[in-house]
PDB file of N, CA and C in Angstrom:
ATOM      1  N   MET A   1      18.512  -2.527 -23.253  1.00  0.00           N
ATOM      2  CA  MET A   1      18.402  -2.643 -21.809  1.00  0.00           C
ATOM      3  C   MET A   1      17.416  -3.768 -21.463  1.00  0.00           C
ATOM      4  N   PRO A   2      17.754  -4.642 -20.495  1.00  0.00           N
ATOM      5  CA  PRO A   2      16.864  -5.756 -20.184  1.00  0.00           C
ATOM      6  C   PRO A   2      15.604  -5.289 -19.458  1.00  0.00           C
ATOM      7  N   LYS A   3      14.608  -6.160 -19.517  1.00  0.00           N
ATOM      8  CA  LYS A   3      13.368  -5.861 -18.804  1.00  0.00           C
ATOM      9  C   LYS A   3      13.613  -5.926 -17.298  1.00  0.00           C
ATOM     10  N   LEU A   4      12.878  -5.122 -16.557  1.00  0.00           N
ATOM     11  CA  LEU A   4      12.995  -5.110 -15.097  1.00  0.00           C
ATOM     12  C   LEU A   4      11.936  -6.008 -14.497  1.00  0.00           C
ATOM     13  N   LYS A   5      12.290  -6.652 -13.406  1.00  0.00           N
ATOM     14  CA  LYS A   5      11.320  -7.505 -12.726  1.00  0.00           C
ATOM     15  C   LYS A   5      10.524  -6.692 -11.720  1.00  0.00           C
ATOM     16  N   THR A   6       9.233  -6.962 -11.683  1.00  0.00           N
ATOM     17  CA  THR A   6       8.362  -6.364 -10.688  1.00  0.00           C
ATOM     18  C   THR A   6       8.530  -7.125  -9.381  1.00  0.00           C
ATOM     19  N   HIS A   7       8.589  -6.416  -8.275  1.00  0.00           N
ATOM     20  CA  HIS A   7       8.674  -7.046  -6.956  1.00  0.00           C
ATOM     21  C   HIS A   7       7.305  -7.636  -6.644  1.00  0.00           C
ATOM     22  N   SER A   8       7.217  -8.965  -6.565  1.00  0.00           N
ATOM     23  CA  SER A   8       5.912  -9.612  -6.455  1.00  0.00           C
ATOM     24  C   SER A   8       5.223  -9.298  -5.131  1.00  0.00           C
ATOM     25  N   GLY A   9       6.005  -9.111  -4.071  1.00  0.00           N
ATOM     26  CA  GLY A   9       5.400  -8.762  -2.787  1.00  0.00           C
ATOM     27  C   GLY A   9       4.782  -7.381  -2.817  1.00  0.00           C
ATOM     28  N   ALA A  10       5.450  -6.448  -3.478  1.00  0.00           N
ATOM     29  CA  ALA A  10       4.921  -5.090  -3.594  1.00  0.00           C
ATOM     30  C   ALA A  10       3.709  -5.059  -4.511  1.00  0.00           C
ATOM     31  N   ALA A  11       3.717  -5.886  -5.542  1.00  0.00           N
ATOM     32  CA  ALA A  11       2.598  -5.917  -6.482  1.00  0.00           C
ATOM     33  C   ALA A  11       1.314  -6.370  -5.801  1.00  0.00           C
ATOM     34  N   LYS A  12       1.435  -7.227  -4.792  1.00  0.00           N
ATOM     35  CA  LYS A  12       0.261  -7.701  -4.056  1.00  0.00           C
ATOM     36  C   LYS A  12      -0.258  -6.657  -3.080  1.00  0.00           C
ATOM     37  N   ARG A  13       0.589  -5.734  -2.656  1.00  0.00           N
ATOM     38  CA  ARG A  13       0.224  -4.802  -1.597  1.00  0.00           C
ATOM     39  C   ARG A  13      -0.196  -3.428  -2.090  1.00  0.00           C
ATOM     40  N   PHE A  14       0.260  -3.009  -3.268  1.00  0.00           N
ATOM     41  CA  PHE A  14       0.008  -1.654  -3.752  1.00  0.00           C
ATOM     42  C   PHE A  14      -0.767  -1.669  -5.051  1.00  0.00           C
ATOM     43  N   LYS A  15      -1.694  -0.731  -5.188  1.00  0.00           N
ATOM     44  CA  LYS A  15      -2.406  -0.499  -6.441  1.00  0.00           C
ATOM     45  C   LYS A  15      -2.155   0.945  -6.847  1.00  0.00           C
ATOM     46  N   VAL A  16      -2.120   1.191  -8.148  1.00  0.00           N
ATOM     47  CA  VAL A  16      -1.815   2.521  -8.659  1.00  0.00           C
ATOM     48  C   VAL A  16      -3.116   3.276  -8.917  1.00  0.00           C
ATOM     49  N   THR A  17      -3.153   4.531  -8.476  1.00  0.00           N
ATOM     50  CA  THR A  17      -4.312   5.376  -8.727  1.00  0.00           C
ATOM     51  C   THR A  17      -4.128   6.089 -10.068  1.00  0.00           C
ATOM     52  N   ARG A  18      -5.125   6.854 -10.485  1.00  0.00           N
ATOM     53  CA  ARG A  18      -5.037   7.574 -11.758  1.00  0.00           C
ATOM     54  C   ARG A  18      -3.915   8.595 -11.770  1.00  0.00           C
ATOM     55  N   ASN A  19      -3.618   9.155 -10.616  1.00  0.00           N
ATOM     56  CA  ASN A  19      -2.593  10.192 -10.524  1.00  0.00           C
ATOM     57  C   ASN A  19      -1.211   9.627 -10.226  1.00  0.00           C
ATOM     58  N   LYS A  20      -1.021   8.335 -10.513  1.00  0.00           N
ATOM     59  CA  LYS A  20       0.271   7.667 -10.303  1.00  0.00           C
ATOM     60  C   LYS A  20       0.692   7.643  -8.838  1.00  0.00           C
ATOM     61  N   LYS A  21      -0.284   7.624  -7.944  1.00  0.00           N
ATOM     62  CA  LYS A  21       0.021   7.433  -6.533  1.00  0.00           C
ATOM     63  C   LYS A  21      -0.264   5.973  -6.191  1.00  0.00           C
ATOM     64  N   PHE A  22       0.307   5.508  -5.097  1.00  0.00           N
ATOM     65  CA  PHE A  22       0.131   4.119  -4.695  1.00  0.00           C
ATOM     66  C   PHE A  22      -0.755   4.053  -3.458  1.00  0.00           C
ATOM     67  N   LYS A  23      -1.816   3.262  -3.533  1.00  0.00           N
ATOM     68  CA  LYS A  23      -2.668   3.087  -2.359  1.00  0.00           C
ATOM     69  C   LYS A  23      -2.480   1.676  -1.819  1.00  0.00           C
ATOM     70  N   TYR A  24      -2.724   1.538  -0.516  1.00  0.00           N
ATOM     71  CA  TYR A  24      -2.522   0.255   0.147  1.00  0.00           C
ATOM     72  C   TYR A  24      -3.498   0.136   1.300  1.00  0.00           C
ATOM     73  N   ALA A  25      -3.713  -1.089   1.757  1.00  0.00           N
ATOM     74  CA  ALA A  25      -4.581  -1.339   2.905  1.00  0.00           C
ATOM     75  C   ALA A  25      -3.778  -1.154   4.182  1.00  0.00           C
ATOM     76  N   LYS A  26      -4.387  -0.548   5.175  1.00  0.00           N
ATOM     77  CA  LYS A  26      -3.705  -0.312   6.444  1.00  0.00           C
ATOM     78  C   LYS A  26      -3.560  -1.608   7.230  1.00  0.00           C
ATOM     79  N   ALA A  27      -2.515  -1.669   8.008  1.00  0.00           N
ATOM     80  CA  ALA A  27      -2.244  -2.851   8.828  1.00  0.00           C
ATOM     81  C   ALA A  27      -3.106  -2.832  10.090  1.00  0.00           C
ATOM     82  N   GLY A  28      -3.278  -3.994  10.696  1.00  0.00           N
ATOM     83  CA  GLY A  28      -3.941  -4.077  11.987  1.00  0.00           C
ATOM     84  C   GLY A  28      -5.401  -4.467  11.930  1.00  0.00           C
ATOM     85  N   ARG A  29      -5.842  -5.133  10.846  1.00  0.00           N
ATOM     86  CA  ARG A  29      -7.240  -5.518  10.730  1.00  0.00           C
ATOM     87  C   ARG A  29      -7.436  -7.025  10.675  1.00  0.00           C
ATOM     88  N   ARG A  30      -6.414  -7.798  10.979  1.00  0.00           N
ATOM     89  CA  ARG A  30      -6.512  -9.247  10.831  1.00  0.00           C
ATOM     90  C   ARG A  30      -7.043  -9.943  12.088  1.00  0.00           C
ATOM     91  N   HIS A  31      -6.474  -9.592  13.224  1.00  0.00           N
ATOM     92  CA  HIS A  31      -6.845 -10.288  14.458  1.00  0.00           C
ATOM     93  C   HIS A  31      -6.639  -9.341  15.637  1.00  0.00           C
ATOM     94  N   LEU A  32      -6.988  -9.805  16.824  1.00  0.00           N
ATOM     95  CA  LEU A  32      -6.908  -9.012  18.056  1.00  0.00           C
ATOM     96  C   LEU A  32      -7.712  -7.705  17.930  1.00  0.00           C
ATOM     97  N   LEU A  33      -8.897  -7.796  17.335  1.00  0.00           N
ATOM     98  CA  LEU A  33      -9.714  -6.603  17.104  1.00  0.00           C
ATOM     99  C   LEU A  33     -10.567  -6.247  18.314  1.00  0.00           C
ATOM    100  N   GLU A  34     -10.686  -7.172  19.255  1.00  0.00           N
ATOM    101  CA  GLU A  34     -11.605  -6.984  20.370  1.00  0.00           C
ATOM    102  C   GLU A  34     -11.213  -5.798  21.243  1.00  0.00           C
ATOM    103  N   TRP A  35      -9.921  -5.612  21.466  1.00  0.00           N
ATOM    104  CA  TRP A  35      -9.492  -4.531  22.362  1.00  0.00           C
ATOM    105  C   TRP A  35      -9.260  -3.228  21.628  1.00  0.00           C
ATOM    106  N   LYS A  36      -9.312  -3.239  20.304  1.00  0.00           N
ATOM    107  CA  LYS A  36      -9.111  -2.002  19.548  1.00  0.00           C
ATOM    108  C   LYS A  36     -10.409  -1.211  19.523  1.00  0.00           C
ATOM    109  N   SER A  37     -10.286   0.099  19.564  1.00  0.00           N
ATOM    110  CA  SER A  37     -11.469   0.951  19.614  1.00  0.00           C
ATOM    111  C   SER A  37     -12.188   0.942  18.275  1.00  0.00           C
ATOM    112  N   ALA A  38     -13.458   1.319  18.306  1.00  0.00           N
ATOM    113  CA  ALA A  38     -14.250   1.399  17.077  1.00  0.00           C
ATOM    114  C   ALA A  38     -13.680   2.461  16.150  1.00  0.00           C
ATOM    115  N   LYS A  39     -13.153   3.526  16.722  1.00  0.00           N
ATOM    116  CA  LYS A  39     -12.548   4.586  15.912  1.00  0.00           C
ATOM    117  C   LYS A  39     -11.343   4.053  15.141  1.00  0.00           C
ATOM    118  N   GLN A  40     -10.531   3.239  15.814  1.00  0.00           N
ATOM    119  CA  GLN A  40      -9.374   2.625  15.158  1.00  0.00           C
ATOM    120  C   GLN A  40      -9.829   1.727  14.017  1.00  0.00           C
ATOM    121  N   SER A  41     -10.837   0.887  14.276  1.00  0.00           N
ATOM    122  CA  SER A  41     -11.313  -0.049  13.266  1.00  0.00           C
ATOM    123  C   SER A  41     -11.861   0.678  12.048  1.00  0.00           C
ATOM    124  N   ARG A  42     -12.611   1.757  12.283  1.00  0.00           N
ATOM    125  CA  ARG A  42     -13.161   2.529  11.168  1.00  0.00           C
ATOM    126  C   ARG A  42     -12.070   3.159  10.326  1.00  0.00           C
ATOM    127  N   SER A  43     -11.056   3.707  10.992  1.00  0.00           N
ATOM    128  CA  SER A  43     -10.004   4.395  10.250  1.00  0.00           C
ATOM    129  C   SER A  43      -9.163   3.427   9.423  1.00  0.00           C
ATOM    130  N   LYS A  44      -9.105   2.172   9.842  1.00  0.00           N
ATOM    131  CA  LYS A  44      -8.314   1.189   9.111  1.00  0.00           C
ATOM    132  C   LYS A  44      -9.059   0.587   7.930  1.00  0.00           C
ATOM    133  N   ARG A  45     -10.341   0.898   7.792  1.00  0.00           N
ATOM    134  CA  ARG A  45     -11.105   0.402   6.643  1.00  0.00           C
ATOM    135  C   ARG A  45     -10.701   1.102   5.352  1.00  0.00           C
ATOM    136  N   GLN A  46     -10.435   2.399   5.435  1.00  0.00           N
ATOM    137  CA  GLN A  46     -10.100   3.155   4.235  1.00  0.00           C
ATOM    138  C   GLN A  46      -8.667   2.862   3.809  1.00  0.00           C
ATOM    139  N   ALA A  47      -8.474   2.852   2.503  1.00  0.00           N
ATOM    140  CA  ALA A  47      -7.120   2.674   1.978  1.00  0.00           C
ATOM    141  C   ALA A  47      -6.315   3.940   2.224  1.00  0.00           C
ATOM    142  N   ALA A  48      -5.011   3.774   2.353  1.00  0.00           N
ATOM    143  CA  ALA A  48      -4.116   4.906   2.555  1.00  0.00           C
ATOM    144  C   ALA A  48      -3.255   5.087   1.311  1.00  0.00           C
ATOM    145  N   VAL A  49      -2.682   6.269   1.164  1.00  0.00           N
ATOM    146  CA  VAL A  49      -1.814   6.576   0.036  1.00  0.00           C
ATOM    147  C   VAL A  49      -0.383   6.668   0.545  1.00  0.00           C
ATOM    148  N   VAL A  50       0.553   6.126  -0.230  1.00  0.00           N
ATOM    149  CA  VAL A  50       1.965   6.141   0.149  1.00  0.00           C
ATOM    150  C   VAL A  50       2.440   7.583   0.260  1.00  0.00           C
ATOM    151  N   HIS A  51       3.179   7.871   1.318  1.00  0.00           N
ATOM    152  CA  HIS A  51       3.691   9.215   1.559  1.00  0.00           C
ATOM    153  C   HIS A  51       4.713   9.580   0.495  1.00  0.00           C
ATOM    154  N   ASP A  52       4.842  10.869   0.246  1.00  0.00           N
ATOM    155  CA  ASP A  52       5.766  11.356  -0.784  1.00  0.00           C
ATOM    156  C   ASP A  52       7.208  10.904  -0.537  1.00  0.00           C
ATOM    157  N   ALA A  53       7.588  10.794   0.738  1.00  0.00           N
ATOM    158  CA  ALA A  53       8.955  10.400   1.063  1.00  0.00           C
ATOM    159  C   ALA A  53       9.245   8.964   0.633  1.00  0.00           C
ATOM    160  N   ASN A  54       8.216   8.120   0.536  1.00  0.00           N
ATOM    161  CA  ASN A  54       8.406   6.713   0.177  1.00  0.00           C
ATOM    162  C   ASN A  54       7.997   6.403  -1.255  1.00  0.00           C
ATOM    163  N   TRP A  55       7.513   7.400  -1.984  1.00  0.00           N
ATOM    164  CA  TRP A  55       6.988   7.159  -3.321  1.00  0.00           C
ATOM    165  C   TRP A  55       8.053   6.603  -4.259  1.00  0.00           C
ATOM    166  N   LYS A  56       9.261   7.142  -4.202  1.00  0.00           N
ATOM    167  CA  LYS A  56      10.325   6.708  -5.102  1.00  0.00           C
ATOM    168  C   LYS A  56      10.685   5.245  -4.854  1.00  0.00           C
ATOM    169  N   ALA A  57      10.760   4.851  -3.607  1.00  0.00           N
ATOM    170  CA  ALA A  57      11.123   3.475  -3.262  1.00  0.00           C
ATOM    171  C   ALA A  57      10.074   2.495  -3.783  1.00  0.00           C
ATOM    172  N   VAL A  58       8.812   2.831  -3.614  1.00  0.00           N
ATOM    173  CA  VAL A  58       7.741   1.944  -4.081  1.00  0.00           C
ATOM    174  C   VAL A  58       7.713   1.907  -5.605  1.00  0.00           C
ATOM    175  N   SER A  59       7.935   3.029  -6.250  1.00  0.00           N
ATOM    176  CA  SER A  59       7.890   3.053  -7.707  1.00  0.00           C
ATOM    177  C   SER A  59       9.038   2.252  -8.326  1.00  0.00           C
ATOM    178  N   GLN A  60      10.151   2.132  -7.619  1.00  0.00           N
ATOM    179  CA  GLN A  60      11.242   1.289  -8.112  1.00  0.00           C
ATOM    180  C   GLN A  60      10.916  -0.191  -7.980  1.00  0.00           C
ATOM    181  N   LEU A  61      10.113  -0.539  -6.986  1.00  0.00           N
ATOM    182  CA  LEU A  61       9.688  -1.931  -6.836  1.00  0.00           C
ATOM    183  C   LEU A  61       8.675  -2.318  -7.899  1.00  0.00           C
ATOM    184  N   LEU A  62       7.920  -1.326  -8.386  1.00  0.00           N
ATOM    185  CA  LEU A  62       6.897  -1.554  -9.400  1.00  0.00           C
ATOM    186  C   LEU A  62       7.226  -0.737 -10.644  1.00  0.00           C
ATOM    187  N   PRO A  63       8.209  -1.173 -11.436  1.00  0.00           N
ATOM    188  CA  PRO A  63       8.709  -0.317 -12.519  1.00  0.00           C
ATOM    189  C   PRO A  63       7.689  -0.064 -13.632  1.00  0.00           C
ATOM    190  N   TYR A  64       6.732  -0.943 -13.832  1.00  0.00           N
ATOM    191  CA  TYR A  64       5.779  -0.755 -14.926  1.00  0.00           C
ATOM    192  C   TYR A  64       4.410  -0.312 -14.444  1.00  0.00           C
ATOM    193  N   ALA A  65       4.320   0.184 -13.241  1.00  0.00           N
ATOM    194  CA  ALA A  65       3.042   0.630 -12.685  1.00  0.00           C
ATOM    195  C   ALA A  65       2.739   2.058 -13.136  1.00  0.00           C
TER     196      ALA A  65
END
């Protein structure tokens, strides 16, 4: 069976945790921060974990993760 290619865009966005979950940075922290609340900004600092419903799709993009 041939080797599978890793999706390079997904590889830049997701990191694998010890428990084989995928974490990613939340969107909305690049620009237009002035009108966003401090609560919003704080919550976007922490990394998020991919939901169970999307785990299979992400794991197919990253076959060797």
